[in-house]
Amino acid sequence: MNLDFALILVVVTLGTGVIWLIDKLLLTPKRIKAAEAAPTEDAKAKLLQQNSIVETSSSIFPVLAAVLILRSFLYEPFQIPSGSMLPTLKVGDFILVNKYHYGLRSPIELPGAGYVTFFENNSPERGDVAVFKYPKNPSIYYIKRVVGLPGDEIVYKDKVIYVNGEPQAQELIAQLPPAAPERLLVDETLGDVQHEIYIDINARNMQGGWVVPEGQYFVMGDNRDNSNDSRYWGSVPDELLVGKAVSVWMHWANWTSIPDFTAMRGIQ
């Protein structure tokens, strides 16, 4: 079961905010008025005291509101759960995603309007590492590299990407392991972005051609033969983009290991 944390955060923030507002506008004036007629200071203090629900809501609402604004419109942390972006991103990497780089969007689907873009900013560029909502199930977040822009013709043949007929340059870095290689570490230039990818020697030779629809983006994983991406389920609509992955701020392999902050680096 996939919990929609953004929806939960919105609902809880809204709930505590309503309680906080009712207390400020209605309950607090009533308590003050009742306390003015109290015969003793102890009685006055007791009448001014909030009940536990109101007190808790008033305490956590500002924090929840700040977190909601931060993760919805500025930056949001994500953890890498799979190896589809190896060697660029490892399982257990904690990344920071710039939410406003592609414009400000509603964190949840609005009834009758879907995911609304409040402010247009940069368009995704070829080579960007982007986080987006999986088109087949928007409650799931995916991270891939942008390969094709709207209108592009993408061909994947002999494990090489062709963009509008132009092969994207590859240069072999290493065979892994050297003695009996099973995969290749390759330096790929995608547009203006140079980055590393993995190619499995024995994996089937995936081939195909696609034209990227307007308002959508073709994405692929850097672990080229072990990635569930646009080659299998199609392009990503612009409204499902979450943001651009900009940096790794921690690596935590598993709950029994020690978090590694020396893994901090920018994402290329």
C-alpha atoms as a PDB file:
ATOM      1  CA  MET A   1       0.000   0.000   0.000  1.00  0.00           C
ATOM      2  CA  ASN A   2       1.390   3.412  -0.988  1.00  0.00           C
ATOM      3  CA  LEU A   3       0.587   6.223   1.413  1.00  0.00           C
ATOM      4  CA  ASP A   4       0.245   9.669  -0.157  1.00  0.00           C
ATOM      5  CA  PHE A   5       2.277  11.628   2.388  1.00  0.00           C
ATOM      6  CA  ALA A   6       1.558  14.944   0.643  1.00  0.00           C
ATOM      7  CA  LEU A   7      -2.193  14.385   0.973  1.00  0.00           C
ATOM      8  CA  ILE A   8      -1.858  13.328   4.616  1.00  0.00           C
ATOM      9  CA  LEU A   9       0.237  16.422   5.374  1.00  0.00           C
ATOM     10  CA  VAL A  10      -2.301  18.712   3.685  1.00  0.00           C
ATOM     11  CA  VAL A  11      -5.226  17.161   5.569  1.00  0.00           C
ATOM     12  CA  VAL A  12      -3.498  17.267   8.979  1.00  0.00           C
ATOM     13  CA  THR A  13      -2.278  20.835   8.406  1.00  0.00           C
ATOM     14  CA  LEU A  14      -5.759  21.926   7.348  1.00  0.00           C
ATOM     15  CA  GLY A  15      -7.350  20.217  10.347  1.00  0.00           C
ATOM     16  CA  THR A  16      -4.990  21.715  12.904  1.00  0.00           C
ATOM     17  CA  GLY A  17      -5.251  25.089  11.157  1.00  0.00           C
ATOM     18  CA  VAL A  18      -9.041  25.112  11.425  1.00  0.00           C
ATOM     19  CA  ILE A  19      -8.854  24.256  15.140  1.00  0.00           C
ATOM     20  CA  TRP A  20      -6.203  26.971  15.663  1.00  0.00           C
ATOM     21  CA  LEU A  21      -8.351  29.543  13.841  1.00  0.00           C
ATOM     22  CA  ILE A  22     -11.529  28.647  15.761  1.00  0.00           C
ATOM     23  CA  ASP A  23      -9.603  28.953  19.004  1.00  0.00           C
ATOM     24  CA  LYS A  24      -8.193  32.362  18.053  1.00  0.00           C
ATOM     25  CA  LEU A  25     -11.481  33.812  16.835  1.00  0.00           C
ATOM     26  CA  LEU A  26     -14.065  32.184  19.124  1.00  0.00           C
ATOM     27  CA  LEU A  27     -12.719  30.158  22.044  1.00  0.00           C
ATOM     28  CA  THR A  28      -9.967  32.488  23.290  1.00  0.00           C
ATOM     29  CA  PRO A  29     -12.270  35.544  23.605  1.00  0.00           C
ATOM     30  CA  LYS A  30     -14.784  33.386  25.523  1.00  0.00           C
ATOM     31  CA  ARG A  31     -12.071  32.129  27.895  1.00  0.00           C
ATOM     32  CA  ILE A  32     -10.797  35.667  28.493  1.00  0.00           C
ATOM     33  CA  LYS A  33     -14.290  36.941  29.223  1.00  0.00           C
ATOM     34  CA  ALA A  34     -14.963  34.073  31.634  1.00  0.00           C
ATOM     35  CA  ALA A  35     -11.596  34.582  33.348  1.00  0.00           C
ATOM     36  CA  GLU A  36     -12.320  38.261  33.993  1.00  0.00           C
ATOM     37  CA  ALA A  37     -15.125  37.210  36.342  1.00  0.00           C
ATOM     38  CA  ALA A  38     -13.044  34.567  38.141  1.00  0.00           C
ATOM     39  CA  PRO A  39     -12.801  35.082  41.923  1.00  0.00           C
ATOM     40  CA  THR A  40      -9.175  33.892  42.272  1.00  0.00           C
ATOM     41  CA  GLU A  41      -5.984  33.771  40.222  1.00  0.00           C
ATOM     42  CA  ASP A  42      -6.032  29.967  40.231  1.00  0.00           C
ATOM     43  CA  ALA A  43      -9.572  29.956  38.855  1.00  0.00           C
ATOM     44  CA  LYS A  44      -8.588  32.525  36.240  1.00  0.00           C
ATOM     45  CA  ALA A  45      -5.596  30.474  35.101  1.00  0.00           C
ATOM     46  CA  LYS A  46      -7.765  27.368  34.865  1.00  0.00           C
ATOM     47  CA  LEU A  47     -10.372  29.149  32.720  1.00  0.00           C
ATOM     48  CA  LEU A  48      -7.676  30.483  30.368  1.00  0.00           C
ATOM     49  CA  GLN A  49      -6.167  27.041  29.851  1.00  0.00           C
ATOM     50  CA  GLN A  50      -6.759  25.381  26.454  1.00  0.00           C
ATOM     51  CA  ASN A  51      -7.991  21.802  26.280  1.00  0.00           C
ATOM     52  CA  SER A  52      -5.488  19.199  25.075  1.00  0.00           C
ATOM     53  CA  ILE A  53      -6.740  19.026  21.461  1.00  0.00           C
ATOM     54  CA  VAL A  54      -6.681  22.804  21.005  1.00  0.00           C
ATOM     55  CA  GLU A  55      -3.310  23.105  22.731  1.00  0.00           C
ATOM     56  CA  THR A  56      -1.748  20.398  20.568  1.00  0.00           C
ATOM     57  CA  SER A  57      -3.213  21.823  17.365  1.00  0.00           C
ATOM     58  CA  SER A  58      -2.041  25.333  18.216  1.00  0.00           C
ATOM     59  CA  SER A  59       1.466  24.025  18.901  1.00  0.00           C
ATOM     60  CA  ILE A  60       1.964  21.911  15.797  1.00  0.00           C
ATOM     61  CA  PHE A  61       0.026  23.944  13.194  1.00  0.00           C
ATOM     62  CA  PRO A  62       2.828  26.512  12.551  1.00  0.00           C
ATOM     63  CA  VAL A  63       5.373  23.700  12.215  1.00  0.00           C
ATOM     64  CA  LEU A  64       3.184  21.677   9.848  1.00  0.00           C
ATOM     65  CA  ALA A  65       2.406  24.784   7.775  1.00  0.00           C
ATOM     66  CA  ALA A  66       6.127  25.564   7.434  1.00  0.00           C
ATOM     67  CA  VAL A  67       6.922  21.972   6.440  1.00  0.00           C
ATOM     68  CA  LEU A  68       4.049  21.944   3.925  1.00  0.00           C
ATOM     69  CA  ILE A  69       5.250  25.152   2.273  1.00  0.00           C
ATOM     70  CA  LEU A  70       8.884  23.981   2.240  1.00  0.00           C
ATOM     71  CA  ARG A  71       8.279  20.528   0.754  1.00  0.00           C
ATOM     72  CA  SER A  72       5.510  21.623  -1.595  1.00  0.00           C
ATOM     73  CA  PHE A  73       7.132  24.627  -3.218  1.00  0.00           C
ATOM     74  CA  LEU A  74      10.837  24.791  -2.323  1.00  0.00           C
ATOM     75  CA  TYR A  75      12.854  21.655  -1.560  1.00  0.00           C
ATOM     76  CA  GLU A  76      11.868  18.111  -0.673  1.00  0.00           C
ATOM     77  CA  PRO A  77      14.022  15.177   0.437  1.00  0.00           C
ATOM     78  CA  PHE A  78      13.658  11.744  -1.160  1.00  0.00           C
ATOM     79  CA  GLN A  79      15.362   8.413  -0.614  1.00  0.00           C
ATOM     80  CA  ILE A  80      16.545   6.326  -3.564  1.00  0.00           C
ATOM     81  CA  PRO A  81      14.823   2.902  -3.200  1.00  0.00           C
ATOM     82  CA  SER A  82      16.184   1.057  -6.252  1.00  0.00           C
ATOM     83  CA  GLY A  83      19.249   0.722  -8.456  1.00  0.00           C
ATOM     84  CA  SER A  84      17.693   2.039 -11.664  1.00  0.00           C
ATOM     85  CA  MET A  85      19.855   5.185 -11.550  1.00  0.00           C
ATOM     86  CA  LEU A  86      23.183   3.482 -10.824  1.00  0.00           C
ATOM     87  CA  PRO A  87      25.984   4.510 -10.983  1.00  0.00           C
ATOM     88  CA  THR A  88      24.747   8.103 -10.570  1.00  0.00           C
ATOM     89  CA  LEU A  89      22.545   7.366  -7.556  1.00  0.00           C
ATOM     90  CA  LYS A  90      22.918   4.437  -5.185  1.00  0.00           C
ATOM     91  CA  VAL A  91      20.281   2.599  -3.198  1.00  0.00           C
ATOM     92  CA  GLY A  92      20.134   4.422   0.134  1.00  0.00           C
ATOM     93  CA  ASP A  93      21.141   7.831  -1.190  1.00  0.00           C
ATOM     94  CA  PHE A  94      19.094  10.670   0.276  1.00  0.00           C
ATOM     95  CA  ILE A  95      18.615  13.392  -2.297  1.00  0.00           C
ATOM     96  CA  LEU A  96      17.336  16.950  -2.294  1.00  0.00           C
ATOM     97  CA  VAL A  97      14.855  17.916  -5.018  1.00  0.00           C
ATOM     98  CA  ASN A  98      14.344  21.500  -6.150  1.00  0.00           C
ATOM     99  CA  LYS A  99      10.543  21.778  -6.312  1.00  0.00           C
ATOM    100  CA  TYR A 100      10.345  25.232  -7.929  1.00  0.00           C
ATOM    101  CA  HIS A 101      12.896  24.603 -10.723  1.00  0.00           C
ATOM    102  CA  TYR A 102      10.134  23.432 -13.077  1.00  0.00           C
ATOM    103  CA  GLY A 103       7.520  25.792 -11.642  1.00  0.00           C
ATOM    104  CA  LEU A 104       5.254  25.744  -8.606  1.00  0.00           C
ATOM    105  CA  ARG A 105       2.618  22.990  -8.708  1.00  0.00           C
ATOM    106  CA  SER A 106      -0.127  21.897  -6.352  1.00  0.00           C
ATOM    107  CA  PRO A 107       1.168  19.054  -4.117  1.00  0.00           C
ATOM    108  CA  ILE A 108      -2.034  17.061  -4.633  1.00  0.00           C
ATOM    109  CA  GLU A 109      -4.652  16.665  -7.356  1.00  0.00           C
ATOM    110  CA  LEU A 110      -7.331  19.328  -7.015  1.00  0.00           C
ATOM    111  CA  PRO A 111     -10.934  18.184  -7.661  1.00  0.00           C
ATOM    112  CA  GLY A 112     -11.888  18.907 -11.253  1.00  0.00           C
ATOM    113  CA  ALA A 113      -8.544  20.596 -12.007  1.00  0.00           C
ATOM    114  CA  GLY A 114      -5.857  17.930 -11.483  1.00  0.00           C
ATOM    115  CA  TYR A 115      -2.309  19.064 -10.708  1.00  0.00           C
ATOM    116  CA  VAL A 116      -2.379  22.838 -11.119  1.00  0.00           C
ATOM    117  CA  THR A 117       0.755  24.823 -12.014  1.00  0.00           C
ATOM    118  CA  PHE A 118       0.704  28.134 -10.140  1.00  0.00           C
ATOM    119  CA  PHE A 119       3.938  29.502 -11.552  1.00  0.00           C
ATOM    120  CA  GLU A 120       5.880  28.552 -14.693  1.00  0.00           C
ATOM    121  CA  ASN A 121       9.663  28.407 -14.395  1.00  0.00           C
ATOM    122  CA  ASN A 122      12.292  26.398 -16.281  1.00  0.00           C
ATOM    123  CA  SER A 123      11.415  23.606 -18.679  1.00  0.00           C
ATOM    124  CA  PRO A 124      13.223  20.281 -18.231  1.00  0.00           C
ATOM    125  CA  GLU A 125      16.431  20.041 -20.244  1.00  0.00           C
ATOM    126  CA  ARG A 126      17.979  16.985 -21.820  1.00  0.00           C
ATOM    127  CA  GLY A 127      20.172  15.334 -19.211  1.00  0.00           C
ATOM    128  CA  ASP A 128      18.267  16.594 -16.138  1.00  0.00           C
ATOM    129  CA  VAL A 129      17.696  14.079 -13.359  1.00  0.00           C
ATOM    130  CA  ALA A 130      14.017  14.583 -12.561  1.00  0.00           C
ATOM    131  CA  VAL A 131      11.605  13.302  -9.929  1.00  0.00           C
ATOM    132  CA  PHE A 132       8.030  12.796 -11.130  1.00  0.00           C
ATOM    133  CA  LYS A 133       4.805  11.012 -10.307  1.00  0.00           C
ATOM    134  CA  TYR A 134       4.588   7.647 -12.085  1.00  0.00           C
ATOM    135  CA  PRO A 135       1.984   8.086 -14.861  1.00  0.00           C
ATOM    136  CA  LYS A 136       0.461   4.647 -14.212  1.00  0.00           C
ATOM    137  CA  ASN A 137       0.061   5.367 -10.486  1.00  0.00           C
ATOM    138  CA  PRO A 138       0.624   9.008  -9.428  1.00  0.00           C
ATOM    139  CA  SER A 139       0.918   8.027  -5.758  1.00  0.00           C
ATOM    140  CA  ILE A 140       4.357   6.559  -6.589  1.00  0.00           C
ATOM    141  CA  TYR A 141       7.414   8.744  -7.198  1.00  0.00           C
ATOM    142  CA  TYR A 142      10.026   7.843  -9.821  1.00  0.00           C
ATOM    143  CA  ILE A 143      13.424   9.356 -10.592  1.00  0.00           C
ATOM    144  CA  LYS A 144      14.967   9.131 -14.073  1.00  0.00           C
ATOM    145  CA  ARG A 145      17.060  11.139 -16.507  1.00  0.00           C
ATOM    146  CA  VAL A 146      15.327  13.296 -19.113  1.00  0.00           C
ATOM    147  CA  VAL A 147      16.293  11.982 -22.549  1.00  0.00           C
ATOM    148  CA  GLY A 148      13.626  13.330 -24.893  1.00  0.00           C
ATOM    149  CA  LEU A 149      11.908  16.716 -25.015  1.00  0.00           C
ATOM    150  CA  PRO A 150       8.498  17.442 -26.559  1.00  0.00           C
ATOM    151  CA  GLY A 151       8.554  16.688 -30.292  1.00  0.00           C
ATOM    152  CA  ASP A 152      11.827  14.706 -30.181  1.00  0.00           C
ATOM    153  CA  GLU A 153      12.232  11.438 -32.018  1.00  0.00           C
ATOM    154  CA  ILE A 154      13.973   8.974 -29.714  1.00  0.00           C
ATOM    155  CA  VAL A 155      15.523   5.733 -30.966  1.00  0.00           C
ATOM    156  CA  TYR A 156      17.233   3.204 -28.706  1.00  0.00           C
ATOM    157  CA  LYS A 157      19.318   0.781 -30.775  1.00  0.00           C
ATOM    158  CA  ASP A 158      22.319  -1.397 -29.903  1.00  0.00           C
ATOM    159  CA  LYS A 159      22.261   0.234 -26.436  1.00  0.00           C
ATOM    160  CA  VAL A 160      22.841   3.701 -27.881  1.00  0.00           C
ATOM    161  CA  ILE A 161      20.359   6.601 -27.670  1.00  0.00           C
ATOM    162  CA  TYR A 162      19.608   8.489 -30.876  1.00  0.00           C
ATOM    163  CA  VAL A 163      17.931  11.886 -30.515  1.00  0.00           C
ATOM    164  CA  ASN A 164      16.452  13.173 -33.760  1.00  0.00           C
ATOM    165  CA  GLY A 165      18.780  10.881 -35.660  1.00  0.00           C
ATOM    166  CA  GLU A 166      21.938  11.883 -33.753  1.00  0.00           C
ATOM    167  CA  PRO A 167      23.670   9.191 -31.651  1.00  0.00           C
ATOM    168  CA  GLN A 168      24.524  10.347 -28.135  1.00  0.00           C
ATOM    169  CA  ALA A 169      28.258   9.852 -27.607  1.00  0.00           C
ATOM    170  CA  GLN A 170      29.494   7.003 -25.394  1.00  0.00           C
ATOM    171  CA  GLU A 171      33.001   6.275 -24.157  1.00  0.00           C
ATOM    172  CA  LEU A 172      33.989   3.082 -22.347  1.00  0.00           C
ATOM    173  CA  ILE A 173      35.464   3.685 -18.890  1.00  0.00           C
ATOM    174  CA  ALA A 174      35.741   0.172 -17.461  1.00  0.00           C
ATOM    175  CA  GLN A 175      34.635  -3.445 -17.808  1.00  0.00           C
ATOM    176  CA  LEU A 176      33.274  -4.842 -14.534  1.00  0.00           C
ATOM    177  CA  PRO A 177      34.704  -7.061 -13.201  1.00  0.00           C
ATOM    178  CA  PRO A 178      37.848  -6.779 -15.330  1.00  0.00           C
ATOM    179  CA  ALA A 179      38.617 -10.515 -15.449  1.00  0.00           C
ATOM    180  CA  ALA A 180      35.149 -11.674 -16.537  1.00  0.00           C
ATOM    181  CA  PRO A 181      33.135  -8.557 -17.404  1.00  0.00           C
ATOM    182  CA  GLU A 182      29.374  -8.653 -16.921  1.00  0.00           C
ATOM    183  CA  ARG A 183      28.659  -4.973 -17.384  1.00  0.00           C
ATOM    184  CA  LEU A 184      30.264  -1.852 -18.777  1.00  0.00           C
ATOM    185  CA  LEU A 185      30.804   1.485 -17.069  1.00  0.00           C
ATOM    186  CA  VAL A 186      30.295   4.022 -19.840  1.00  0.00           C
ATOM    187  CA  ASP A 187      30.590   7.786 -20.006  1.00  0.00           C
ATOM    188  CA  GLU A 188      27.615   9.133 -21.954  1.00  0.00           C
ATOM    189  CA  THR A 189      27.102  12.659 -23.277  1.00  0.00           C
ATOM    190  CA  LEU A 190      23.409  13.481 -23.420  1.00  0.00           C
ATOM    191  CA  GLY A 191      22.909  16.929 -24.855  1.00  0.00           C
ATOM    192  CA  ASP A 192      25.285  19.102 -22.821  1.00  0.00           C
ATOM    193  CA  VAL A 193      25.360  16.733 -19.837  1.00  0.00           C
ATOM    194  CA  GLN A 194      28.145  14.207 -19.364  1.00  0.00           C
ATOM    195  CA  HIS A 195      27.353  11.375 -16.963  1.00  0.00           C
ATOM    196  CA  GLU A 196      28.044   7.705 -16.327  1.00  0.00           C
ATOM    197  CA  ILE A 197      25.780   4.771 -17.138  1.00  0.00           C
ATOM    198  CA  TYR A 198      25.838   0.995 -16.698  1.00  0.00           C
ATOM    199  CA  ILE A 199      25.273  -1.366 -19.633  1.00  0.00           C
ATOM    200  CA  ASP A 200      24.796  -5.082 -18.969  1.00  0.00           C
ATOM    201  CA  ILE A 201      26.720  -7.111 -21.528  1.00  0.00           C
ATOM    202  CA  ASN A 202      24.398 -10.106 -21.466  1.00  0.00           C
ATOM    203  CA  ALA A 203      21.096  -8.230 -21.272  1.00  0.00           C
ATOM    204  CA  ARG A 204      18.826  -8.472 -24.300  1.00  0.00           C
ATOM    205  CA  ASN A 205      19.343  -5.792 -26.928  1.00  0.00           C
ATOM    206  CA  MET A 206      16.388  -3.496 -26.269  1.00  0.00           C
ATOM    207  CA  GLN A 207      15.416  -1.552 -29.407  1.00  0.00           C
ATOM    208  CA  GLY A 208      12.617   0.830 -30.260  1.00  0.00           C
ATOM    209  CA  GLY A 209      11.597   4.234 -31.514  1.00  0.00           C
ATOM    210  CA  TRP A 210       9.286   6.843 -30.023  1.00  0.00           C
ATOM    211  CA  VAL A 211       8.078  10.374 -30.779  1.00  0.00           C
ATOM    212  CA  VAL A 212       7.664  12.427 -27.608  1.00  0.00           C
ATOM    213  CA  PRO A 213       4.190  14.066 -27.442  1.00  0.00           C
ATOM    214  CA  GLU A 214       3.849  17.789 -26.824  1.00  0.00           C
ATOM    215  CA  GLY A 215       3.883  18.640 -23.125  1.00  0.00           C
ATOM    216  CA  GLN A 216       5.614  15.358 -22.220  1.00  0.00           C
ATOM    217  CA  TYR A 217       9.142  14.053 -21.599  1.00  0.00           C
ATOM    218  CA  PHE A 218      10.902  10.775 -22.382  1.00  0.00           C
ATOM    219  CA  VAL A 219      12.927   9.495 -19.424  1.00  0.00           C
ATOM    220  CA  MET A 220      15.381   6.640 -18.877  1.00  0.00           C
ATOM    221  CA  GLY A 221      17.430   5.254 -15.992  1.00  0.00           C
ATOM    222  CA  ASP A 222      21.233   5.397 -15.990  1.00  0.00           C
ATOM    223  CA  ASN A 223      21.313   1.693 -15.147  1.00  0.00           C
ATOM    224  CA  ARG A 224      20.230   1.237 -18.719  1.00  0.00           C
ATOM    225  CA  ASP A 225      19.364  -2.470 -18.732  1.00  0.00           C
ATOM    226  CA  ASN A 226      17.749  -2.448 -15.289  1.00  0.00           C
ATOM    227  CA  SER A 227      15.326   0.436 -15.420  1.00  0.00           C
ATOM    228  CA  ASN A 228      11.540   0.546 -15.743  1.00  0.00           C
ATOM    229  CA  ASP A 229      11.170   3.742 -17.746  1.00  0.00           C
ATOM    230  CA  SER A 230       9.590   5.451 -20.769  1.00  0.00           C
ATOM    231  CA  ARG A 231      10.682   2.610 -23.045  1.00  0.00           C
ATOM    232  CA  TYR A 232       8.066   0.440 -21.323  1.00  0.00           C
ATOM    233  CA  TRP A 233       5.242   2.757 -20.183  1.00  0.00           C
ATOM    234  CA  GLY A 234       5.567   5.960 -22.234  1.00  0.00           C
ATOM    235  CA  SER A 235       6.401   9.602 -21.647  1.00  0.00           C
ATOM    236  CA  VAL A 236       5.851  11.725 -18.526  1.00  0.00           C
ATOM    237  CA  PRO A 237       3.268  14.553 -18.751  1.00  0.00           C
ATOM    238  CA  ASP A 238       4.565  17.934 -17.622  1.00  0.00           C
ATOM    239  CA  GLU A 239       1.964  18.213 -14.831  1.00  0.00           C
ATOM    240  CA  LEU A 240       3.407  15.101 -13.145  1.00  0.00           C
ATOM    241  CA  LEU A 241       6.890  16.593 -12.765  1.00  0.00           C
ATOM    242  CA  VAL A 242       7.863  17.115  -9.126  1.00  0.00           C
ATOM    243  CA  GLY A 243      11.261  18.757  -9.443  1.00  0.00           C
ATOM    244  CA  LYS A 244      14.907  18.531 -10.395  1.00  0.00           C
ATOM    245  CA  ALA A 245      17.233  16.374  -8.280  1.00  0.00           C
ATOM    246  CA  VAL A 246      20.141  18.636  -7.358  1.00  0.00           C
ATOM    247  CA  SER A 247      22.236  16.944  -4.670  1.00  0.00           C
ATOM    248  CA  VAL A 248      22.867  13.918  -2.468  1.00  0.00           C
ATOM    249  CA  TRP A 249      23.023  14.986   1.172  1.00  0.00           C
ATOM    250  CA  MET A 250      23.414  11.614   2.878  1.00  0.00           C
ATOM    251  CA  HIS A 251      23.820   7.909   2.194  1.00  0.00           C
ATOM    252  CA  TRP A 252      22.190   5.416   4.533  1.00  0.00           C
ATOM    253  CA  ALA A 253      22.495   1.872   3.243  1.00  0.00           C
ATOM    254  CA  ASN A 254      20.131   0.313   5.796  1.00  0.00           C
ATOM    255  CA  TRP A 255      18.676   0.918   9.242  1.00  0.00           C
ATOM    256  CA  THR A 256      21.469  -1.016  10.955  1.00  0.00           C
ATOM    257  CA  SER A 257      24.254   1.046   9.350  1.00  0.00           C
ATOM    258  CA  ILE A 258      25.580   4.489  10.208  1.00  0.00           C
ATOM    259  CA  PRO A 259      24.469   7.385   7.971  1.00  0.00           C
ATOM    260  CA  ASP A 260      27.301   8.582   5.750  1.00  0.00           C
ATOM    261  CA  PHE A 261      27.387  12.364   5.315  1.00  0.00           C
ATOM    262  CA  THR A 262      30.661  12.208   3.388  1.00  0.00           C
ATOM    263  CA  ALA A 263      28.575  11.052   0.404  1.00  0.00           C
ATOM    264  CA  MET A 264      27.303  14.600  -0.109  1.00  0.00           C
ATOM    265  CA  ARG A 265      27.680  15.668  -3.745  1.00  0.00           C
ATOM    266  CA  GLY A 266      25.928  17.402  -6.593  1.00  0.00           C
ATOM    267  CA  ILE A 267      23.945  15.345  -9.094  1.00  0.00           C
ATOM    268  CA  GLN A 268      25.135  15.467 -12.687  1.00  0.00           C
END
